[in-house]
Amino acid sequence: MPFQRGSARTRQHTVLLVGIAVLLAALVLAVVLASLLTHGKQEVSPKMLKWNDRGTTKNLQEVILGRCYNYIAERYPDLGDKDCLKIWESLKDAFIYKNPCNITSEDYQPLMELASHPIPCNKSLFWSKTYDLVHRYTKSNLNFLTLEDTLLGYMADSISWCGDPSAPGINYESCPKRSECESNPSSVFWKMASKMFAEAACGVVQVMLNGSIEAGAFRSSSIFGSIEVFNLNPDKVSEVHIWLMHDIGGPQSESCSGHSIKRLKSILEERNFKITCEDNYRPVQLLQCVHNPDHTDCRLCTNST
């Protein structure tokens, strides 16, 4: 009998050990399966969409906030009531975690309202294909303002941003070009800002165009040609002065009597604007000659015409 009781105990211990071994094996299997499943999920998780333009500017928040505070402190202290943090949040909310090809004007409306400010009459200066020259001019002559000299334009000038449906919601690798999709964050922003800038213009307004472009100084597809011209208010704007500038030493592809300028004049006349056009507006040409003092076009510092 003692032998039989010992055998029973041995069998019980054996069964217990086998049960523990099975339980441990099941736990190990569960851990392995969970690890494989988790790893599998990581492999199929959404990835950032890929585009052909540069990605979001690094440290975008710090750039926007820095420019906003600097603009108010150094350029226009009268705008001290502007809340730069709210302006940044409204910009971020317009594109973060969104497909960058599905941005709408409604996305930017809060930003436009927060950052807008009055533009003094006779100071609005529009441009097309004269980016470097026109901004050198406004830096030397504070009597004029381009869109990039307003708070909205100053904050966004030459930077890039776009979102993505997957985390972290901002794509720092690539953003879509306008040719990839029209409703991208940058295009929608600049169209809205340009429309608002044109609507705010009053008195005499100026536009600086490039007469050295073979395709024509005025282009209907440009922001100026497609948006700004048609949002100038004839009840507020008395005259439009066209400054047709030629590159120093460059081709003079078009003058004030050129085909594209005639088309621009026709559009403006239909909207009842008074128009003047001047080839190589002297103050701007003098600025060009600062960088080209020995060129034949600059020797007498007179209009090339």
Foldseek 3Di string as FASTA:
>chain_A
DVVVVVVVVVVVVVVVVVVVVVVVVVVVVVVVVVVVVVVVCVVPPDDFDDADAAFFDPPLLVLLLVQLVCCCVPPNVVVVVQDSVVLSVLLCQQAFLDDQQPGDLVSCVVNCVRQDDADDEPAEEAEDPCVVLVVVVCVVPVSHDYLCSGSLNVSPPPGDWHFHNDPPRTTRGGFYDCVVHVRGSVNSSVLVSLLVSLLNYAEEYEYEFEQQDQVDRDDCPDSCNVHNLVNHQVVGYAAYEYEYEYQQVGDRNDACPDDRNVVSVVSNVVNPHHYHYDYHDQVSLVVNCVVVVPGPCNVVSDGPD
